[in-house]
Amino acid sequence: MTFLELCQRLRREVGAAGAGPASVVGQNGEYLRLIGWIQQAWHEIQTERRDWRFAWAEAEIELSPEFRDYPAPDDFEHWIAETLRIGNDRLRLMGWDDFRERYREPSNATLPQVVTLLPDNRIRLDTSPSATTTLRFEYFRTPQALAENNDVPRLPARYHMLIVYRAMIQYALFENAPEVLQQGSANAARLMSDMLISELPAMTLGGALA
């Protein structure tokens, strides 16, 4: 569902008056509250975990011999350290405090071996490459904001109703509607339980105990 369709579905589920909203912009009163509750619900769902599958992405950054610093992707939240590679060579991720002490000056390596994230979200390498090459990594994105009518949440369509159910809870608390609260809470819990199974990384078990 689009952002607008989510808002319209919320209006139907809670039995609010009218047939709208016809748009997510230029609204006031109850429709404005419905739109805000959809936005709030989607933001809260995204921030409950930092490793949702639907927040995963890949990045490629072209590296130049002239530079050690590069901008991170605009939607960068945090990276998956073990995926930082140049070609087949894996880079070591180092915290900024340690990196700052060890690599105030570029290292003598011909290819970057260590990478850090600066406090301003720029990427810094221990040295610049001797020739143009590419840094590749996987990362998780910042929460998506719904703003336009046709914006679509990143999560799989089968879970879109979770946003509506979570928004119903906010509506019910505002309107003191216990029946709506019960329905929204029960349905949200059911869908969230399913999503925790399908949209989080698979758990890896440790080796056998000695």
C-alpha atoms as a PDB file:
ATOM      1  CA  MET A   1       0.000   0.000   0.000  1.00  0.00           C
ATOM      2  CA  THR A   2       1.060   3.575  -0.591  1.00  0.00           C
ATOM      3  CA  PHE A   3       1.211   6.149   2.186  1.00  0.00           C
ATOM      4  CA  LEU A   4      -2.156   7.519   1.072  1.00  0.00           C
ATOM      5  CA  GLU A   5      -3.717   4.050   0.944  1.00  0.00           C
ATOM      6  CA  LEU A   6      -2.442   3.318   4.458  1.00  0.00           C
ATOM      7  CA  CYS A   7      -4.111   6.480   5.737  1.00  0.00           C
ATOM      8  CA  GLN A   8      -7.360   5.623   3.973  1.00  0.00           C
ATOM      9  CA  ARG A   9      -7.284   2.083   5.373  1.00  0.00           C
ATOM     10  CA  LEU A  10      -6.747   3.460   8.874  1.00  0.00           C
ATOM     11  CA  ARG A  11      -9.760   5.716   8.464  1.00  0.00           C
ATOM     12  CA  ARG A  12     -11.902   2.723   7.456  1.00  0.00           C
ATOM     13  CA  GLU A  13     -10.608   0.480  10.253  1.00  0.00           C
ATOM     14  CA  VAL A  14     -11.403   2.997  12.979  1.00  0.00           C
ATOM     15  CA  GLY A  15     -14.686   4.118  11.447  1.00  0.00           C
ATOM     16  CA  ALA A  16     -13.722   7.774  11.140  1.00  0.00           C
ATOM     17  CA  ALA A  17     -16.078  10.052   9.225  1.00  0.00           C
ATOM     18  CA  GLY A  18     -15.763  10.795   5.532  1.00  0.00           C
ATOM     19  CA  ALA A  19     -14.306   8.963   2.549  1.00  0.00           C
ATOM     20  CA  GLY A  20     -10.782  10.396   2.564  1.00  0.00           C
ATOM     21  CA  PRO A  21      -8.231  11.556   2.974  1.00  0.00           C
ATOM     22  CA  ALA A  22      -7.817  12.339  -0.704  1.00  0.00           C
ATOM     23  CA  SER A  23      -4.219  13.437  -0.128  1.00  0.00           C
ATOM     24  CA  VAL A  24      -1.648  13.346   2.669  1.00  0.00           C
ATOM     25  CA  VAL A  25      -0.873  17.058   2.198  1.00  0.00           C
ATOM     26  CA  GLY A  26      -2.992  20.050   3.081  1.00  0.00           C
ATOM     27  CA  GLN A  27      -5.075  18.241   5.690  1.00  0.00           C
ATOM     28  CA  ASN A  28      -6.205  19.356   9.125  1.00  0.00           C
ATOM     29  CA  GLY A  29      -8.275  18.054  12.018  1.00  0.00           C
ATOM     30  CA  GLU A  30      -8.922  14.317  12.202  1.00  0.00           C
ATOM     31  CA  TYR A  31      -7.394  13.508   8.829  1.00  0.00           C
ATOM     32  CA  LEU A  32      -4.169  15.229   9.862  1.00  0.00           C
ATOM     33  CA  ARG A  33      -4.077  13.102  12.992  1.00  0.00           C
ATOM     34  CA  LEU A  34      -4.647   9.896  11.006  1.00  0.00           C
ATOM     35  CA  ILE A  35      -1.787  10.797   8.673  1.00  0.00           C
ATOM     36  CA  GLY A  36       0.487  11.567  11.624  1.00  0.00           C
ATOM     37  CA  TRP A  37      -0.328   8.290  13.347  1.00  0.00           C
ATOM     38  CA  ILE A  38       0.602   6.328  10.208  1.00  0.00           C
ATOM     39  CA  GLN A  39       3.920   8.203  10.038  1.00  0.00           C
ATOM     40  CA  GLN A  40       4.560   7.611  13.722  1.00  0.00           C
ATOM     41  CA  ALA A  41       3.698   3.916  13.537  1.00  0.00           C
ATOM     42  CA  TRP A  42       6.036   3.312  10.604  1.00  0.00           C
ATOM     43  CA  HIS A  43       8.887   5.169  12.301  1.00  0.00           C
ATOM     44  CA  GLU A  44       8.451   3.214  15.533  1.00  0.00           C
ATOM     45  CA  ILE A  45       8.399  -0.134  13.728  1.00  0.00           C
ATOM     46  CA  GLN A  46      11.648   0.671  11.932  1.00  0.00           C
ATOM     47  CA  THR A  47      13.453   1.803  15.071  1.00  0.00           C
ATOM     48  CA  GLU A  48      12.506  -1.220  17.166  1.00  0.00           C
ATOM     49  CA  ARG A  49      15.376  -3.143  15.554  1.00  0.00           C
ATOM     50  CA  ARG A  50      18.564  -2.015  13.793  1.00  0.00           C
ATOM     51  CA  ASP A  51      18.859  -5.087  11.570  1.00  0.00           C
ATOM     52  CA  TRP A  52      15.554  -5.482   9.752  1.00  0.00           C
ATOM     53  CA  ARG A  53      16.035  -7.230   6.413  1.00  0.00           C
ATOM     54  CA  PHE A  54      13.972  -4.556   4.683  1.00  0.00           C
ATOM     55  CA  ALA A  55      16.498  -1.925   5.845  1.00  0.00           C
ATOM     56  CA  TRP A  56      19.468  -3.746   4.253  1.00  0.00           C
ATOM     57  CA  ALA A  57      21.325  -2.237   1.304  1.00  0.00           C
ATOM     58  CA  GLU A  58      24.604  -2.460  -0.631  1.00  0.00           C
ATOM     59  CA  ALA A  59      27.031   0.319  -1.487  1.00  0.00           C
ATOM     60  CA  GLU A  60      29.918   0.870  -3.848  1.00  0.00           C
ATOM     61  CA  ILE A  61      32.276   3.822  -3.441  1.00  0.00           C
ATOM     62  CA  GLU A  62      34.913   4.609  -6.050  1.00  0.00           C
ATOM     63  CA  LEU A  63      38.244   5.275  -4.359  1.00  0.00           C
ATOM     64  CA  SER A  64      40.829   7.663  -5.764  1.00  0.00           C
ATOM     65  CA  PRO A  65      44.587   7.932  -5.090  1.00  0.00           C
ATOM     66  CA  GLU A  66      44.031  11.564  -4.066  1.00  0.00           C
ATOM     67  CA  PHE A  67      41.634  11.021  -1.162  1.00  0.00           C
ATOM     68  CA  ARG A  68      41.261   9.164   2.150  1.00  0.00           C
ATOM     69  CA  ASP A  69      37.806  10.545   3.030  1.00  0.00           C
ATOM     70  CA  TYR A  70      34.512   9.724   1.306  1.00  0.00           C
ATOM     71  CA  PRO A  71      30.846  10.451   2.035  1.00  0.00           C
ATOM     72  CA  ALA A  72      28.751   7.571   3.322  1.00  0.00           C
ATOM     73  CA  PRO A  73      25.456   6.854   1.520  1.00  0.00           C
ATOM     74  CA  ASP A  74      22.770   9.410   2.326  1.00  0.00           C
ATOM     75  CA  ASP A  75      20.638   6.775   4.075  1.00  0.00           C
ATOM     76  CA  PHE A  76      23.529   5.139   5.941  1.00  0.00           C
ATOM     77  CA  GLU A  77      22.737   3.961   9.481  1.00  0.00           C
ATOM     78  CA  HIS A  78      25.446   1.385  10.218  1.00  0.00           C
ATOM     79  CA  TRP A  79      27.440  -1.062   8.191  1.00  0.00           C
ATOM     80  CA  ILE A  80      28.019  -4.791   8.370  1.00  0.00           C
ATOM     81  CA  ALA A  81      31.709  -4.843   9.228  1.00  0.00           C
ATOM     82  CA  GLU A  82      32.548  -8.227   7.725  1.00  0.00           C
ATOM     83  CA  THR A  83      31.380  -7.099   4.266  1.00  0.00           C
ATOM     84  CA  LEU A  84      33.888  -4.221   3.906  1.00  0.00           C
ATOM     85  CA  ARG A  85      36.017  -5.206   0.932  1.00  0.00           C
ATOM     86  CA  ILE A  86      38.205  -3.911  -1.851  1.00  0.00           C
ATOM     87  CA  GLY A  87      38.168  -6.651  -4.453  1.00  0.00           C
ATOM     88  CA  ASN A  88      38.698  -9.874  -2.496  1.00  0.00           C
ATOM     89  CA  ASP A  89      40.560  -8.114   0.313  1.00  0.00           C
ATOM     90  CA  ARG A  90      38.644  -7.541   3.506  1.00  0.00           C
ATOM     91  CA  LEU A  91      39.123  -4.270   5.383  1.00  0.00           C
ATOM     92  CA  ARG A  92      39.324  -4.042   9.150  1.00  0.00           C
ATOM     93  CA  LEU A  93      36.850  -1.736  10.848  1.00  0.00           C
ATOM     94  CA  MET A  94      38.312   0.380  13.643  1.00  0.00           C
ATOM     95  CA  GLY A  95      36.573   2.757  16.020  1.00  0.00           C
ATOM     96  CA  TRP A  96      37.287   6.438  15.480  1.00  0.00           C
ATOM     97  CA  ASP A  97      39.123   6.981  18.776  1.00  0.00           C
ATOM     98  CA  ASP A  98      41.685   4.239  18.054  1.00  0.00           C
ATOM     99  CA  PHE A  99      41.910   5.121  14.372  1.00  0.00           C
ATOM    100  CA  ARG A 100      42.608   8.781  15.171  1.00  0.00           C
ATOM    101  CA  GLU A 101      45.598   7.833  17.293  1.00  0.00           C
ATOM    102  CA  ARG A 102      47.072   5.294  14.883  1.00  0.00           C
ATOM    103  CA  TYR A 103      46.432   6.942  11.517  1.00  0.00           C
ATOM    104  CA  ARG A 104      46.849  10.670  11.971  1.00  0.00           C
ATOM    105  CA  GLU A 105      49.084  10.314   8.923  1.00  0.00           C
ATOM    106  CA  PRO A 106      48.426   7.859   6.063  1.00  0.00           C
ATOM    107  CA  SER A 107      49.868   4.389   6.454  1.00  0.00           C
ATOM    108  CA  ASN A 108      52.524   3.103   4.057  1.00  0.00           C
ATOM    109  CA  ALA A 109      50.280   0.429   2.549  1.00  0.00           C
ATOM    110  CA  THR A 110      49.584   0.544  -1.208  1.00  0.00           C
ATOM    111  CA  LEU A 111      45.957  -0.447  -0.622  1.00  0.00           C
ATOM    112  CA  PRO A 112      43.667   0.578   2.257  1.00  0.00           C
ATOM    113  CA  GLN A 113      43.468  -2.045   4.985  1.00  0.00           C
ATOM    114  CA  VAL A 114      41.619  -0.206   7.762  1.00  0.00           C
ATOM    115  CA  VAL A 115      38.472   1.902   7.671  1.00  0.00           C
ATOM    116  CA  THR A 116      36.594   4.025  10.190  1.00  0.00           C
ATOM    117  CA  LEU A 117      33.480   6.148  10.361  1.00  0.00           C
ATOM    118  CA  LEU A 118      34.067   9.761  11.378  1.00  0.00           C
ATOM    119  CA  PRO A 119      31.702  11.512  13.816  1.00  0.00           C
ATOM    120  CA  ASP A 120      30.213  13.439  10.860  1.00  0.00           C
ATOM    121  CA  ASN A 121      29.415  10.151   9.040  1.00  0.00           C
ATOM    122  CA  ARG A 122      32.257  10.373   6.540  1.00  0.00           C
ATOM    123  CA  ILE A 123      34.312   7.285   5.757  1.00  0.00           C
ATOM    124  CA  ARG A 124      38.075   7.521   6.283  1.00  0.00           C
ATOM    125  CA  LEU A 125      40.702   5.015   5.132  1.00  0.00           C
ATOM    126  CA  ASP A 126      44.119   4.398   6.653  1.00  0.00           C
ATOM    127  CA  THR A 127      45.633   5.349   3.299  1.00  0.00           C
ATOM    128  CA  SER A 128      44.564   6.211  -0.222  1.00  0.00           C
ATOM    129  CA  PRO A 129      44.872   3.489  -2.883  1.00  0.00           C
ATOM    130  CA  SER A 130      47.728   3.592  -5.372  1.00  0.00           C
ATOM    131  CA  ALA A 131      45.197   3.365  -8.220  1.00  0.00           C
ATOM    132  CA  THR A 132      41.452   3.866  -8.643  1.00  0.00           C
ATOM    133  CA  THR A 133      39.491   1.012  -7.092  1.00  0.00           C
ATOM    134  CA  THR A 134      36.138   0.324  -5.432  1.00  0.00           C
ATOM    135  CA  LEU A 135      35.099  -0.100  -1.815  1.00  0.00           C
ATOM    136  CA  ARG A 136      32.069  -2.349  -1.410  1.00  0.00           C
ATOM    137  CA  PHE A 137      30.028  -3.056   1.703  1.00  0.00           C
ATOM    138  CA  GLU A 138      26.583  -3.884   3.011  1.00  0.00           C
ATOM    139  CA  TYR A 139      24.766  -1.656   5.448  1.00  0.00           C
ATOM    140  CA  PHE A 140      21.466  -0.908   7.133  1.00  0.00           C
ATOM    141  CA  ARG A 141      19.549   2.235   6.223  1.00  0.00           C
ATOM    142  CA  THR A 142      18.143   5.012   8.358  1.00  0.00           C
ATOM    143  CA  PRO A 143      14.375   4.957   8.970  1.00  0.00           C
ATOM    144  CA  GLN A 144      12.307   5.838   5.917  1.00  0.00           C
ATOM    145  CA  ALA A 145       9.952   8.798   6.253  1.00  0.00           C
ATOM    146  CA  LEU A 146       6.580   8.708   4.521  1.00  0.00           C
ATOM    147  CA  ALA A 147       5.814  12.132   3.045  1.00  0.00           C
ATOM    148  CA  GLU A 148       4.163  11.875  -0.376  1.00  0.00           C
ATOM    149  CA  ASN A 149       0.945  10.161  -1.480  1.00  0.00           C
ATOM    150  CA  ASN A 150       2.729   7.454  -3.465  1.00  0.00           C
ATOM    151  CA  ASP A 151       5.513   6.689  -0.983  1.00  0.00           C
ATOM    152  CA  VAL A 152       5.589   2.957  -0.229  1.00  0.00           C
ATOM    153  CA  PRO A 153       7.037   1.491   2.996  1.00  0.00           C
ATOM    154  CA  ARG A 154      10.128  -0.645   2.506  1.00  0.00           C
ATOM    155  CA  LEU A 155       8.787  -3.632   4.381  1.00  0.00           C
ATOM    156  CA  PRO A 156       7.125  -6.498   2.468  1.00  0.00           C
ATOM    157  CA  ALA A 157       3.537  -5.784   1.421  1.00  0.00           C
ATOM    158  CA  ARG A 158       2.184  -8.631   3.568  1.00  0.00           C
ATOM    159  CA  TYR A 159       3.188  -6.620   6.643  1.00  0.00           C
ATOM    160  CA  HIS A 160       1.802  -3.246   5.590  1.00  0.00           C
ATOM    161  CA  MET A 161      -1.230  -3.739   7.807  1.00  0.00           C
ATOM    162  CA  LEU A 162       1.105  -3.764  10.803  1.00  0.00           C
ATOM    163  CA  ILE A 163       1.501  -0.013  10.264  1.00  0.00           C
ATOM    164  CA  VAL A 164      -2.265   0.416  10.229  1.00  0.00           C
ATOM    165  CA  TYR A 165      -2.760  -1.687  13.363  1.00  0.00           C
ATOM    166  CA  ARG A 166      -0.068   0.210  15.243  1.00  0.00           C
ATOM    167  CA  ALA A 167      -1.667   3.494  14.170  1.00  0.00           C
ATOM    168  CA  MET A 168      -5.019   2.205  15.416  1.00  0.00           C
ATOM    169  CA  ILE A 169      -3.532   1.970  18.887  1.00  0.00           C
ATOM    170  CA  GLN A 170      -2.637   5.666  18.808  1.00  0.00           C
ATOM    171  CA  TYR A 171      -6.119   6.533  17.547  1.00  0.00           C
ATOM    172  CA  ALA A 172      -7.732   4.458  20.297  1.00  0.00           C
ATOM    173  CA  LEU A 173      -5.695   6.107  23.036  1.00  0.00           C
ATOM    174  CA  PHE A 174      -6.591   9.552  21.698  1.00  0.00           C
ATOM    175  CA  GLU A 175     -10.289   8.774  21.308  1.00  0.00           C
ATOM    176  CA  ASN A 176     -10.584   6.517  24.387  1.00  0.00           C
ATOM    177  CA  ALA A 177     -11.869   3.676  22.196  1.00  0.00           C
ATOM    178  CA  PRO A 178     -11.157   0.350  23.995  1.00  0.00           C
ATOM    179  CA  GLU A 179     -12.590  -1.822  21.210  1.00  0.00           C
ATOM    180  CA  VAL A 180     -10.271  -0.253  18.651  1.00  0.00           C
ATOM    181  CA  LEU A 181      -7.367  -0.564  21.071  1.00  0.00           C
ATOM    182  CA  GLN A 182      -8.023  -4.256  21.573  1.00  0.00           C
ATOM    183  CA  GLN A 183      -8.337  -4.959  17.858  1.00  0.00           C
ATOM    184  CA  GLY A 184      -5.259  -2.946  16.915  1.00  0.00           C
ATOM    185  CA  SER A 185      -3.120  -4.414  19.705  1.00  0.00           C
ATOM    186  CA  ALA A 186      -4.051  -8.036  18.976  1.00  0.00           C
ATOM    187  CA  ASN A 187      -3.535  -7.772  15.229  1.00  0.00           C
ATOM    188  CA  ALA A 188      -0.311  -5.788  15.605  1.00  0.00           C
ATOM    189  CA  ALA A 189       1.114  -8.386  17.993  1.00  0.00           C
ATOM    190  CA  ARG A 190       0.281 -11.204  15.578  1.00  0.00           C
ATOM    191  CA  LEU A 191       1.914  -9.541  12.570  1.00  0.00           C
ATOM    192  CA  MET A 192       4.937  -8.373  14.547  1.00  0.00           C
ATOM    193  CA  SER A 193       5.506 -11.921  15.767  1.00  0.00           C
ATOM    194  CA  ASP A 194       5.569 -13.150  12.170  1.00  0.00           C
ATOM    195  CA  MET A 195       7.815 -10.316  11.056  1.00  0.00           C
ATOM    196  CA  LEU A 196      10.352 -10.963  13.803  1.00  0.00           C
ATOM    197  CA  ILE A 197      10.802 -14.423  12.323  1.00  0.00           C
ATOM    198  CA  SER A 198      10.970 -13.511   8.641  1.00  0.00           C
ATOM    199  CA  GLU A 199      12.602 -10.065   8.670  1.00  0.00           C
ATOM    200  CA  LEU A 200      15.549 -10.526  11.012  1.00  0.00           C
ATOM    201  CA  PRO A 201      18.878 -12.210  10.177  1.00  0.00           C
ATOM    202  CA  ALA A 202      18.974 -15.919  10.800  1.00  0.00           C
ATOM    203  CA  MET A 203      20.445 -16.857  14.155  1.00  0.00           C
ATOM    204  CA  THR A 204      23.721 -18.790  14.070  1.00  0.00           C
ATOM    205  CA  LEU A 205      24.390 -21.411  16.676  1.00  0.00           C
ATOM    206  CA  GLY A 206      27.753 -21.770  18.341  1.00  0.00           C
ATOM    207  CA  GLY A 207      29.882 -24.889  18.146  1.00  0.00           C
ATOM    208  CA  ALA A 208      29.369 -27.935  20.269  1.00  0.00           C
ATOM    209  CA  LEU A 209      30.222 -27.611  23.960  1.00  0.00           C
ATOM    210  CA  ALA A 210      33.325 -29.417  25.074  1.00  0.00           C
END
